[in-house]
N, C-alpha and C. Protein backbone atom coordinates (compact mmCIF):
# COMPACT_ATOMS: atom_id res chain seq x y z
N MET A 1 80.04 103.29 101.88
CA MET A 1 79.91 104.35 100.87
C MET A 1 81.40 105.17 100.96
N ILE A 2 81.80 105.27 100.08
CA ILE A 2 83.24 106.10 100.19
C ILE A 2 83.27 107.58 99.19
N LYS A 3 83.63 108.32 100.37
CA LYS A 3 83.48 109.73 99.88
C LYS A 3 84.80 110.27 99.13
N VAL A 4 84.46 110.87 97.93
CA VAL A 4 85.57 111.40 97.30
C VAL A 4 85.48 112.91 96.89
N LEU A 5 86.50 113.47 96.98
CA LEU A 5 86.95 114.65 96.39
C LEU A 5 87.75 114.91 95.16
N VAL A 6 87.21 115.37 94.17
CA VAL A 6 87.87 115.17 92.77
C VAL A 6 88.41 116.70 92.77
N VAL A 7 89.85 116.59 92.63
CA VAL A 7 90.70 117.64 92.17
C VAL A 7 91.41 117.88 90.99
N ASP A 8 91.15 118.83 90.07
CA ASP A 8 91.65 118.99 88.73
C ASP A 8 91.27 120.29 88.39
N ASP A 9 92.35 121.04 87.34
CA ASP A 9 92.16 122.45 87.07
C ASP A 9 91.33 122.27 85.82
N HIS A 10 91.21 121.23 85.05
CA HIS A 10 90.36 121.16 83.87
C HIS A 10 88.82 120.57 84.38
N PRO A 11 87.89 121.73 83.97
CA PRO A 11 86.29 121.20 84.29
C PRO A 11 85.77 119.86 83.63
N VAL A 12 86.49 119.66 82.22
CA VAL A 12 85.92 118.39 81.55
C VAL A 12 86.32 117.16 82.32
N VAL A 13 87.73 117.28 83.03
CA VAL A 13 88.31 116.12 83.70
C VAL A 13 87.58 115.95 85.02
N ARG A 14 87.18 117.14 85.44
CA ARG A 14 86.35 116.74 86.79
C ARG A 14 85.32 116.34 86.55
N ASP A 15 84.19 116.74 85.26
CA ASP A 15 82.91 116.49 85.37
C ASP A 15 83.06 114.74 84.84
N GLY A 16 84.05 114.45 83.81
CA GLY A 16 84.32 113.04 83.73
C GLY A 16 84.35 111.92 85.10
N LEU A 17 85.22 112.56 85.85
CA LEU A 17 85.48 111.82 87.00
C LEU A 17 84.21 111.69 88.03
N THR A 18 83.50 112.77 88.29
CA THR A 18 82.31 112.85 89.05
C THR A 18 81.40 112.07 88.38
N SER A 19 81.12 111.98 87.18
CA SER A 19 79.98 111.26 86.49
C SER A 19 80.14 109.90 86.73
N MET A 20 81.74 109.47 86.48
CA MET A 20 81.91 108.18 86.41
C MET A 20 81.53 107.44 87.86
N PHE A 21 81.94 108.28 88.97
CA PHE A 21 81.88 107.69 90.35
C PHE A 21 80.47 107.97 90.81
N ALA A 22 79.61 108.73 90.24
CA ALA A 22 78.30 108.87 90.57
C ALA A 22 77.46 107.73 89.87
N GLN A 23 78.09 107.00 88.95
CA GLN A 23 77.40 105.94 88.57
C GLN A 23 77.41 104.59 89.48
N ASP A 24 78.34 104.72 90.35
CA ASP A 24 78.72 103.63 91.29
C ASP A 24 77.94 103.78 92.84
N PRO A 25 77.23 102.85 93.12
CA PRO A 25 76.45 103.25 94.37
C PRO A 25 77.68 102.97 95.66
N GLY A 26 78.69 102.50 95.23
CA GLY A 26 79.41 102.53 96.54
C GLY A 26 80.38 103.63 96.73
N PHE A 27 80.44 104.76 96.14
CA PHE A 27 80.93 106.08 95.86
C PHE A 27 79.77 107.20 96.04
N GLU A 28 80.39 108.33 96.45
CA GLU A 28 79.79 109.54 96.82
C GLU A 28 80.84 110.61 96.58
N VAL A 29 80.84 111.44 95.34
CA VAL A 29 81.41 112.61 95.30
C VAL A 29 81.11 113.66 95.93
N VAL A 30 81.57 114.18 97.07
CA VAL A 30 81.30 115.02 98.02
C VAL A 30 81.59 116.58 97.58
N GLY A 31 82.60 116.62 96.40
CA GLY A 31 82.89 118.14 96.29
C GLY A 31 83.91 117.71 94.95
N GLU A 32 84.04 118.86 94.34
CA GLU A 32 85.04 119.16 93.26
C GLU A 32 85.81 120.65 93.79
N ALA A 33 87.04 120.32 93.17
CA ALA A 33 88.18 121.79 93.34
C ALA A 33 89.01 121.91 92.19
N GLY A 34 89.24 123.07 91.92
CA GLY A 34 89.95 123.44 90.75
C GLY A 34 91.55 123.66 91.04
N ASP A 35 91.64 123.67 92.21
CA ASP A 35 93.34 124.17 92.54
C ASP A 35 93.53 123.46 94.15
N GLY A 36 95.06 123.49 94.41
CA GLY A 36 95.29 122.67 95.62
C GLY A 36 94.80 123.69 96.75
N ALA A 37 94.86 124.63 96.85
CA ALA A 37 94.21 125.73 97.74
C ALA A 37 92.69 125.49 98.44
N GLU A 38 92.20 125.39 97.18
CA GLU A 38 90.43 124.89 97.33
C GLU A 38 90.29 123.53 97.83
N ALA A 39 91.23 122.31 97.36
CA ALA A 39 91.30 121.35 97.66
C ALA A 39 91.28 121.01 98.98
N VAL A 40 92.24 121.85 99.81
CA VAL A 40 92.60 121.59 101.08
C VAL A 40 91.45 121.95 101.89
N ARG A 41 90.81 123.11 101.51
CA ARG A 41 89.75 124.14 102.26
C ARG A 41 88.54 123.09 102.09
N LEU A 42 88.25 122.27 101.01
CA LEU A 42 86.86 121.71 100.94
C LEU A 42 87.18 120.15 101.83
N ALA A 43 88.56 120.01 101.48
CA ALA A 43 88.83 118.47 102.27
C ALA A 43 88.83 118.47 103.87
N LYS A 44 89.04 119.90 104.19
CA LYS A 44 88.72 119.86 105.82
C LYS A 44 87.54 120.15 106.29
N ALA A 45 86.76 120.76 105.37
CA ALA A 45 85.21 120.95 105.64
C ALA A 45 84.53 119.77 105.33
N LEU A 46 84.69 118.92 104.32
CA LEU A 46 83.83 117.68 104.02
C LEU A 46 84.40 116.77 104.32
N ARG A 47 85.59 116.37 104.69
CA ARG A 47 86.07 115.16 105.43
C ARG A 47 86.03 114.03 104.74
N PRO A 48 86.52 113.80 103.03
CA PRO A 48 86.39 112.80 102.12
C PRO A 48 87.28 111.69 102.73
N ASP A 49 87.15 110.49 102.12
CA ASP A 49 87.79 109.43 102.48
C ASP A 49 88.92 109.41 101.40
N VAL A 50 88.63 109.61 100.27
CA VAL A 50 89.92 109.77 99.30
C VAL A 50 89.75 111.27 98.54
N VAL A 51 90.79 111.68 98.31
CA VAL A 51 91.28 112.96 97.24
C VAL A 51 91.58 112.52 96.22
N LEU A 52 91.05 112.88 94.98
CA LEU A 52 91.66 112.37 93.70
C LEU A 52 92.58 113.59 93.40
N MET A 53 93.76 113.42 92.99
CA MET A 53 94.62 114.98 93.48
C MET A 53 95.33 114.80 91.91
N ASP A 54 95.06 116.03 91.28
CA ASP A 54 96.06 116.12 90.09
C ASP A 54 97.10 116.82 90.82
N LEU A 55 98.28 116.77 89.96
CA LEU A 55 99.46 117.44 90.28
C LEU A 55 99.87 118.78 89.82
N ARG A 56 99.79 118.88 88.90
CA ARG A 56 100.11 120.42 87.93
C ARG A 56 98.83 121.12 88.04
N MET A 57 98.95 122.12 88.85
CA MET A 57 97.49 122.93 88.79
C MET A 57 98.16 124.37 88.97
N PRO A 58 97.39 125.58 88.39
CA PRO A 58 97.96 126.92 88.84
C PRO A 58 97.66 127.37 90.25
N GLY A 59 98.44 128.00 90.65
CA GLY A 59 98.36 128.58 92.34
C GLY A 59 99.00 127.33 92.97
N THR A 60 98.15 126.81 94.19
CA THR A 60 98.66 125.75 94.58
C THR A 60 98.71 124.66 94.07
N ASP A 61 100.03 123.92 93.84
CA ASP A 61 99.93 122.47 92.81
C ASP A 61 99.35 121.64 94.05
N GLY A 62 99.33 120.28 93.16
CA GLY A 62 98.89 118.84 93.96
C GLY A 62 99.81 118.64 95.02
N LEU A 63 101.25 118.80 94.78
CA LEU A 63 102.02 118.33 96.17
C LEU A 63 102.00 119.12 97.31
N THR A 64 101.92 120.36 96.95
CA THR A 64 101.78 121.46 98.30
C THR A 64 100.35 120.99 98.97
N ALA A 65 99.06 120.82 98.43
CA ALA A 65 97.99 120.47 98.70
C ALA A 65 98.20 118.84 99.39
N THR A 66 98.96 118.18 98.87
CA THR A 66 98.66 116.82 99.56
C THR A 66 99.46 116.82 100.77
N ARG A 67 100.73 117.59 100.78
CA ARG A 67 101.56 117.79 102.29
C ARG A 67 100.59 118.26 103.24
N GLU A 68 99.61 119.40 102.84
CA GLU A 68 98.50 120.08 103.90
C GLU A 68 97.62 119.04 104.35
N LEU A 69 97.47 117.89 103.30
CA LEU A 69 96.14 117.20 103.62
C LEU A 69 96.58 115.65 104.66
N ALA A 70 97.88 115.90 105.02
CA ALA A 70 98.33 114.44 106.01
C ALA A 70 97.55 114.59 106.98
N GLY A 71 96.73 113.36 107.47
CA GLY A 71 95.86 113.25 108.57
C GLY A 71 94.64 113.75 108.21
N VAL A 72 94.40 114.48 107.25
CA VAL A 72 93.24 114.64 106.94
C VAL A 72 92.21 113.79 105.96
N ALA A 73 93.06 113.20 104.94
CA ALA A 73 92.17 112.09 104.09
C ALA A 73 93.49 111.80 103.12
N HIS A 74 93.06 110.32 102.65
CA HIS A 74 94.10 109.74 101.51
C HIS A 74 94.11 110.36 100.36
N VAL A 75 95.21 110.50 99.91
CA VAL A 75 95.40 111.12 98.50
C VAL A 75 95.84 110.16 97.57
N LEU A 76 95.14 110.06 96.44
CA LEU A 76 95.29 109.38 95.47
C LEU A 76 95.72 110.25 94.33
N VAL A 77 97.30 110.48 93.81
CA VAL A 77 97.46 111.27 92.74
C VAL A 77 96.84 110.39 91.36
N LEU A 78 96.31 111.53 90.45
CA LEU A 78 95.86 111.12 89.33
C LEU A 78 96.36 112.30 88.29
N THR A 79 97.41 111.76 87.43
CA THR A 79 98.00 112.72 86.61
C THR A 79 98.40 112.02 85.40
N THR A 80 98.62 112.76 84.44
CA THR A 80 99.40 112.31 83.12
C THR A 80 101.05 112.20 83.12
N TYR A 81 101.49 112.53 84.08
CA TYR A 81 103.12 112.71 84.53
C TYR A 81 103.25 111.31 84.97
N ASP A 82 104.48 110.56 84.76
CA ASP A 82 104.89 109.51 85.39
C ASP A 82 106.58 109.57 85.41
N ASN A 83 107.14 110.54 85.19
CA ASN A 83 108.27 110.67 85.28
C ASN A 83 108.96 110.37 86.84
N ASP A 84 110.24 110.28 87.07
CA ASP A 84 110.69 110.07 88.35
C ASP A 84 110.52 110.96 89.63
N SER A 85 110.84 112.21 88.96
CA SER A 85 110.66 113.33 90.14
C SER A 85 109.51 113.49 90.65
N ASP A 86 108.48 113.30 89.93
CA ASP A 86 106.97 113.56 90.38
C ASP A 86 106.70 112.49 91.02
N VAL A 87 107.03 111.22 90.67
CA VAL A 87 106.46 109.92 91.42
C VAL A 87 107.09 110.07 93.05
N VAL A 88 108.57 110.07 93.08
CA VAL A 88 109.14 110.27 94.37
C VAL A 88 108.43 111.57 95.05
N ALA A 89 108.26 112.75 94.54
CA ALA A 89 107.69 113.90 95.42
C ALA A 89 106.37 113.67 95.79
N ALA A 90 105.69 112.90 95.09
CA ALA A 90 104.38 112.73 95.56
C ALA A 90 104.01 111.89 96.62
N VAL A 91 104.99 110.76 96.71
CA VAL A 91 105.16 109.66 97.64
C VAL A 91 105.64 110.43 98.94
N GLU A 92 106.68 111.23 98.65
CA GLU A 92 107.32 111.53 99.83
C GLU A 92 106.30 112.99 100.61
N ALA A 93 105.35 113.65 99.77
CA ALA A 93 104.58 114.42 100.12
C ALA A 93 103.32 113.89 101.14
N GLY A 94 103.25 112.35 101.03
CA GLY A 94 102.19 111.99 101.47
C GLY A 94 101.08 111.08 101.12
N ALA A 95 101.40 111.15 99.51
CA ALA A 95 100.23 110.54 98.81
C ALA A 95 100.15 109.08 99.00
N THR A 96 98.83 108.28 99.14
CA THR A 96 98.75 106.97 99.39
C THR A 96 98.86 106.14 98.18
N GLY A 97 98.69 106.89 97.19
CA GLY A 97 98.72 106.22 95.63
C GLY A 97 99.09 107.12 94.60
N TYR A 98 99.56 106.40 93.56
CA TYR A 98 99.90 107.33 92.08
C TYR A 98 99.46 106.67 91.10
N LEU A 99 98.48 107.18 90.16
CA LEU A 99 97.84 106.71 89.16
C LEU A 99 97.91 107.55 88.11
N LEU A 100 98.05 106.92 86.76
CA LEU A 100 98.02 107.80 85.71
C LEU A 100 96.49 107.84 85.04
N LYS A 101 96.31 109.06 84.50
CA LYS A 101 94.90 109.49 83.85
C LYS A 101 94.30 108.39 82.78
N ASP A 102 95.22 108.01 82.16
CA ASP A 102 94.90 107.09 81.10
C ASP A 102 94.40 105.23 81.55
N ALA A 103 94.53 105.27 83.08
CA ALA A 103 94.10 103.92 83.68
C ALA A 103 92.66 103.63 83.29
N PRO A 104 92.42 102.31 82.95
CA PRO A 104 91.08 101.88 82.58
C PRO A 104 90.36 102.26 83.87
N ARG A 105 88.81 102.35 83.50
CA ARG A 105 88.09 102.68 84.54
C ARG A 105 87.84 101.83 85.70
N ASP A 106 87.88 100.38 85.41
CA ASP A 106 88.15 99.55 86.48
C ASP A 106 89.14 99.64 87.43
N GLU A 107 90.38 99.81 86.69
CA GLU A 107 91.60 100.12 87.57
C GLU A 107 91.41 101.21 88.54
N LEU A 108 90.89 102.35 88.19
CA LEU A 108 90.85 103.26 88.91
C LEU A 108 89.71 103.14 90.01
N VAL A 109 88.66 102.66 89.87
CA VAL A 109 87.85 102.01 90.99
C VAL A 109 88.50 101.38 91.96
N ARG A 110 89.27 100.41 91.38
CA ARG A 110 90.04 99.36 92.52
C ARG A 110 90.68 100.34 93.31
N ALA A 111 91.59 101.38 92.59
CA ALA A 111 92.62 102.13 93.23
C ALA A 111 91.92 103.04 94.51
N VAL A 112 90.85 103.48 94.14
CA VAL A 112 90.04 104.47 94.92
C VAL A 112 89.77 103.55 96.22
N ARG A 113 89.27 102.23 95.91
CA ARG A 113 88.77 101.56 96.97
C ARG A 113 89.87 101.25 98.23
N ALA A 114 91.27 100.98 97.38
CA ALA A 114 92.41 100.44 97.96
C ALA A 114 92.56 101.73 98.85
N THR A 115 92.70 102.81 98.10
CA THR A 115 93.43 103.96 98.87
C THR A 115 92.27 104.20 100.06
N ALA A 116 91.20 103.96 99.83
CA ALA A 116 90.35 104.37 101.00
C ALA A 116 90.57 103.49 102.30
N ARG A 117 91.29 102.41 101.96
CA ARG A 117 91.83 101.52 103.18
C ARG A 117 93.07 101.71 103.67
N GLY A 118 93.61 102.78 102.91
CA GLY A 118 95.02 103.19 103.61
C GLY A 118 96.16 102.30 102.65
N GLU A 119 95.71 101.34 101.48
CA GLU A 119 96.64 100.61 101.20
C GLU A 119 97.38 101.47 100.15
N ALA A 120 98.69 101.23 99.76
CA ALA A 120 99.70 102.06 98.60
C ALA A 120 99.09 101.44 97.66
N VAL A 121 98.81 102.21 96.71
CA VAL A 121 98.36 102.18 95.22
C VAL A 121 99.70 102.79 93.96
N LEU A 122 100.26 101.87 93.18
CA LEU A 122 101.17 102.67 92.57
C LEU A 122 100.91 102.03 90.89
N ALA A 123 100.54 103.24 89.72
CA ALA A 123 100.92 102.46 88.49
C ALA A 123 102.02 101.65 88.37
N PRO A 124 101.85 100.90 87.24
CA PRO A 124 103.16 99.79 87.04
C PRO A 124 104.45 100.97 86.68
N ALA A 125 104.05 102.07 85.73
CA ALA A 125 105.06 102.82 85.41
C ALA A 125 105.85 103.40 86.80
N ALA A 126 104.85 104.08 87.63
CA ALA A 126 105.34 104.63 88.67
C ALA A 126 106.20 103.69 89.67
N ALA A 127 105.72 102.68 89.98
CA ALA A 127 106.24 101.50 90.50
C ALA A 127 107.67 101.32 89.96
N ALA A 128 107.93 101.07 88.86
CA ALA A 128 109.18 100.56 88.22
C ALA A 128 110.20 101.77 88.59
N LEU A 129 109.57 103.22 88.46
CA LEU A 129 110.64 104.32 88.55
C LEU A 129 110.90 104.51 90.11
N LEU A 130 110.02 104.20 90.98
CA LEU A 130 110.50 104.26 92.28
C LEU A 130 111.22 103.06 92.84
N MET A 131 111.33 101.69 92.22
CA MET A 131 112.03 100.64 92.54
C MET A 131 113.56 101.14 92.05
N ARG A 132 113.60 101.67 90.76
CA ARG A 132 115.20 102.22 90.36
C ARG A 132 115.60 103.08 91.25
N ARG A 133 114.73 104.04 91.79
CA ARG A 133 115.50 105.11 92.36
C ARG A 133 115.57 104.69 93.76
N VAL A 134 114.81 103.86 94.52
CA VAL A 134 115.19 103.28 95.57
C VAL A 134 116.70 102.57 95.82
N ARG A 135 116.74 101.59 94.56
CA ARG A 135 117.88 100.60 94.41
C ARG A 135 119.30 101.46 94.19
N SER A 136 118.94 102.75 93.36
CA SER A 136 120.15 103.67 92.99
C SER A 136 120.41 104.30 94.33
N ALA A 137 119.84 104.72 95.12
CA ALA A 137 120.02 105.28 96.56
C ALA A 137 120.70 104.08 97.46
N ALA A 138 120.31 103.13 97.53
CA ALA A 138 120.84 101.85 98.35
C ALA A 138 121.99 101.52 97.71
N ALA A 139 122.36 101.42 96.41
CA ALA A 139 123.86 101.41 95.89
C ALA A 139 124.88 102.20 96.39
N GLU A 140 124.32 103.62 96.66
CA GLU A 140 125.26 104.61 97.02
C GLU A 140 125.92 104.40 98.57
N VAL A 141 125.18 103.55 99.03
CA VAL A 141 125.51 103.22 100.67
C VAL A 141 127.06 102.80 100.56
N LEU A 142 127.29 101.87 99.61
CA LEU A 142 128.73 101.20 99.81
C LEU A 142 129.45 101.70 98.58
N SER A 143 130.64 101.59 98.56
CA SER A 143 131.76 102.00 97.76
C SER A 143 131.68 101.05 96.55
N PRO A 144 132.15 101.01 95.43
CA PRO A 144 132.12 100.08 94.32
C PRO A 144 133.11 98.86 94.92
N ARG A 145 134.31 99.34 95.56
CA ARG A 145 135.04 98.25 95.93
C ARG A 145 134.37 97.11 96.90
N GLU A 146 133.66 97.90 97.79
CA GLU A 146 132.93 97.45 99.14
C GLU A 146 131.87 96.36 98.24
N LEU A 147 131.26 96.92 97.44
CA LEU A 147 130.27 95.79 96.87
C LEU A 147 130.75 94.61 96.16
N GLU A 148 132.28 94.89 95.50
CA GLU A 148 132.79 93.87 95.22
C GLU A 148 133.06 92.73 96.10
N VAL A 149 133.54 93.42 97.22
CA VAL A 149 134.21 92.32 98.31
C VAL A 149 132.53 91.56 98.54
N LEU A 150 131.53 92.48 98.90
CA LEU A 150 130.13 91.77 99.53
C LEU A 150 129.76 90.69 98.59
N ARG A 151 129.89 90.90 96.91
CA ARG A 151 129.34 89.85 96.13
C ARG A 151 130.09 88.67 96.27
N PHE A 152 131.66 88.84 96.36
CA PHE A 152 132.44 87.39 96.89
C PHE A 152 131.68 86.75 98.05
N VAL A 153 131.75 87.78 99.21
CA VAL A 153 131.13 87.09 100.39
C VAL A 153 130.04 86.38 100.15
N ALA A 154 128.98 86.98 99.38
CA ALA A 154 127.53 86.28 98.86
C ALA A 154 127.57 85.06 98.49
N GLY A 155 128.79 84.96 97.60
CA GLY A 155 128.85 83.43 97.04
C GLY A 155 129.66 82.63 97.84
N GLY A 156 130.06 82.63 98.73
CA GLY A 156 130.74 81.82 99.78
C GLY A 156 132.29 81.73 100.20
N ALA A 157 132.70 82.93 99.50
CA ALA A 157 134.19 83.55 99.35
C ALA A 157 134.78 83.51 100.75
N THR A 158 135.91 82.93 101.11
CA THR A 158 136.64 83.34 102.31
C THR A 158 137.39 84.52 102.19
N ASN A 159 137.82 85.23 103.29
CA ASN A 159 138.79 86.29 102.95
C ASN A 159 140.19 86.08 102.11
N ARG A 160 140.70 85.04 102.22
CA ARG A 160 141.77 84.56 101.37
C ARG A 160 141.48 84.45 99.67
N ASP A 161 140.04 84.01 99.58
CA ASP A 161 139.35 84.06 98.17
C ASP A 161 139.23 85.53 97.68
N VAL A 162 138.69 86.22 98.59
CA VAL A 162 138.35 87.66 98.39
C VAL A 162 139.68 88.25 98.01
N ALA A 163 140.65 88.04 98.57
CA ALA A 163 141.88 88.82 98.42
C ALA A 163 142.49 88.44 97.10
N LYS A 164 142.36 87.31 96.90
CA LYS A 164 142.98 86.59 95.68
C LYS A 164 142.34 86.93 94.44
N GLY A 165 140.95 87.14 94.63
CA GLY A 165 140.23 87.40 93.28
C GLY A 165 140.34 88.88 93.00
N LEU A 166 140.44 89.93 94.00
CA LEU A 166 140.63 91.21 94.05
C LEU A 166 141.80 91.60 94.01
N PHE A 167 142.87 90.83 93.86
CA PHE A 167 144.27 91.24 93.90
C PHE A 167 144.86 92.24 95.13
N ILE A 168 144.11 92.06 96.29
CA ILE A 168 144.46 92.77 97.20
C ILE A 168 144.72 91.92 98.57
N THR A 169 145.34 92.34 99.69
CA THR A 169 145.54 91.58 100.85
C THR A 169 144.37 91.49 101.61
N GLU A 170 144.82 90.33 102.10
CA GLU A 170 143.59 89.92 103.60
C GLU A 170 143.18 90.91 104.41
N ALA A 171 144.45 91.77 104.70
CA ALA A 171 144.22 92.76 105.74
C ALA A 171 143.11 93.72 105.28
N THR A 172 143.28 94.23 103.93
CA THR A 172 142.58 95.07 103.01
C THR A 172 141.09 94.98 103.05
N VAL A 173 140.93 93.27 102.87
CA VAL A 173 139.63 92.55 102.91
C VAL A 173 139.15 92.84 104.19
N LYS A 174 139.72 92.53 105.08
CA LYS A 174 139.11 92.73 106.58
C LYS A 174 138.57 93.98 106.90
N SER A 175 139.40 94.88 106.36
CA SER A 175 139.05 96.54 106.42
C SER A 175 137.88 96.90 105.86
N HIS A 176 137.79 96.55 104.81
CA HIS A 176 136.50 96.56 103.82
C HIS A 176 135.12 96.03 104.20
N LEU A 177 135.30 94.69 105.09
CA LEU A 177 134.06 94.03 105.68
C LEU A 177 133.89 95.04 106.95
N LEU A 178 134.80 95.62 107.68
CA LEU A 178 134.36 96.39 108.90
C LEU A 178 133.58 97.56 108.33
N ASN A 179 134.14 98.28 107.34
CA ASN A 179 133.50 99.26 106.64
C ASN A 179 131.82 98.80 106.36
N ILE A 180 131.93 97.64 105.78
CA ILE A 180 130.54 97.47 105.12
C ILE A 180 129.41 96.96 106.38
N TYR A 181 129.94 96.29 107.58
CA TYR A 181 129.53 96.05 108.74
C TYR A 181 128.82 97.45 109.10
N ALA A 182 129.89 98.46 109.16
CA ALA A 182 129.45 99.70 110.03
C ALA A 182 128.42 100.50 109.26
N LYS A 183 128.40 100.48 107.88
CA LYS A 183 127.42 100.88 106.99
C LYS A 183 126.15 100.27 107.12
N LEU A 184 126.47 99.22 107.10
CA LEU A 184 124.94 98.28 106.86
C LEU A 184 124.35 98.14 108.42
N GLU A 185 125.16 98.38 109.38
CA GLU A 185 124.69 98.34 110.73
C GLU A 185 124.37 96.85 111.17
N VAL A 186 125.42 95.92 110.93
CA VAL A 186 125.31 94.51 111.24
C VAL A 186 126.89 94.07 111.80
N GLY A 187 126.56 93.15 112.21
CA GLY A 187 127.79 92.52 113.07
C GLY A 187 128.75 91.40 112.32
N ASP A 188 128.11 90.72 111.36
CA ASP A 188 128.93 89.61 110.69
C ASP A 188 128.78 89.46 109.33
N ARG A 189 129.40 88.56 108.87
CA ARG A 189 128.99 88.15 107.28
C ARG A 189 127.86 87.98 106.66
N ALA A 190 127.02 87.10 107.34
CA ALA A 190 125.98 86.79 107.11
C ALA A 190 124.92 87.63 107.29
N ALA A 191 124.97 88.47 108.33
CA ALA A 191 124.00 89.50 108.48
C ALA A 191 124.14 90.46 107.10
N ALA A 192 125.47 90.84 107.11
CA ALA A 192 125.94 91.59 105.86
C ALA A 192 125.27 91.40 104.68
N VAL A 193 125.17 90.14 104.25
CA VAL A 193 124.54 89.78 103.09
C VAL A 193 123.46 89.41 102.89
N THR A 194 122.40 89.25 104.12
CA THR A 194 121.14 89.40 104.18
C THR A 194 120.80 90.91 104.07
N GLU A 195 121.45 91.92 104.54
CA GLU A 195 121.02 92.92 104.71
C GLU A 195 121.09 93.65 103.38
N ALA A 196 122.24 93.34 102.74
CA ALA A 196 122.67 93.87 101.38
C ALA A 196 121.29 93.37 100.25
N PHE A 197 121.00 91.98 100.42
CA PHE A 197 119.97 91.61 99.91
C PHE A 197 118.45 92.10 99.94
N HIS A 198 118.49 92.69 101.36
CA HIS A 198 117.24 93.34 101.58
C HIS A 198 117.29 94.96 101.14
N ARG A 199 118.35 95.24 101.08
CA ARG A 199 118.42 96.75 100.30
C ARG A 199 118.43 96.72 98.71
N GLY A 200 118.22 95.67 98.36
CA GLY A 200 118.72 95.67 96.94
C GLY A 200 120.19 95.95 96.35
N LEU A 201 121.26 95.79 97.10
CA LEU A 201 122.30 96.01 96.76
C LEU A 201 123.11 94.87 96.05
N LEU A 202 122.39 93.50 96.38
CA LEU A 202 122.45 92.32 95.51
C LEU A 202 121.53 91.69 95.30
N VAL A 203 121.51 90.95 94.14
CA VAL A 203 120.64 90.33 93.48
C VAL A 203 120.89 88.74 93.59
N PRO A 204 120.08 87.85 93.64
CA PRO A 204 120.44 86.45 93.74
C PRO A 204 121.30 85.96 92.82
N ARG A 205 121.36 86.46 91.16
CA ARG A 205 122.47 86.05 90.28
C ARG A 205 123.92 86.17 90.93
N GLU A 206 123.84 86.87 91.61
CA GLU A 206 125.21 87.57 92.14
C GLU A 206 125.89 86.50 93.40
N GLN A 207 125.15 85.45 93.62
CA GLN A 207 125.56 84.64 94.73
C GLN A 207 126.40 83.49 93.92
N ARG A 208 127.35 83.64 93.30
CA ARG A 208 128.29 82.75 92.46
C ARG A 208 129.60 83.26 92.90
N PHE A 209 130.27 82.19 93.32
CA PHE A 209 131.71 82.16 93.63
C PHE A 209 132.65 81.00 93.11
N SER A 210 133.53 81.29 92.28
CA SER A 210 134.21 79.75 91.91
C SER A 210 135.88 80.26 92.08
N PRO A 211 136.45 79.61 93.08
CA PRO A 211 137.77 79.91 93.49
C PRO A 211 138.80 79.46 92.56
């Protein structure tokens, strides 16, 4: 039996969610809250497995409540908003999952079960936004010129090849490589390429070099 706390400032939404989970013998709705402050108070008293948390609410909002519930219950954000800032803020606040209110019933049920197990759940739109944000942040680690050097290296180019391809000296290539190693915290070319792929700085199609 998964204990659920429903949090939303709209009574109709709360009633709909409560009715939906009440029909499933695998769930028990232990309470409802209309704002973040009430959600925190009830969660600490009732100890639900999952808090279905709206984001935009008067008074204490969902993000603030999510931060305060760290270690108390898993929070699955259920909202109509799928913009970049909301997704990232919810994840940073400690939300286990992020789902949109237009999700099908079966998808929501699966998401709550997964959240109760501590598994991360993201709506496709939210996952795409988060991936773009992560890749954008990763790309800022290296300068545009360092990325160019790394792309050549990933394609099998020697320092001489890189110098020729970018119209710079081999000494400059070595300098760029040292900076790359330091920024990626690695010690050689192979490790730099591996770490760059891991961070999303490079993608497989960039592994090409024609001398």
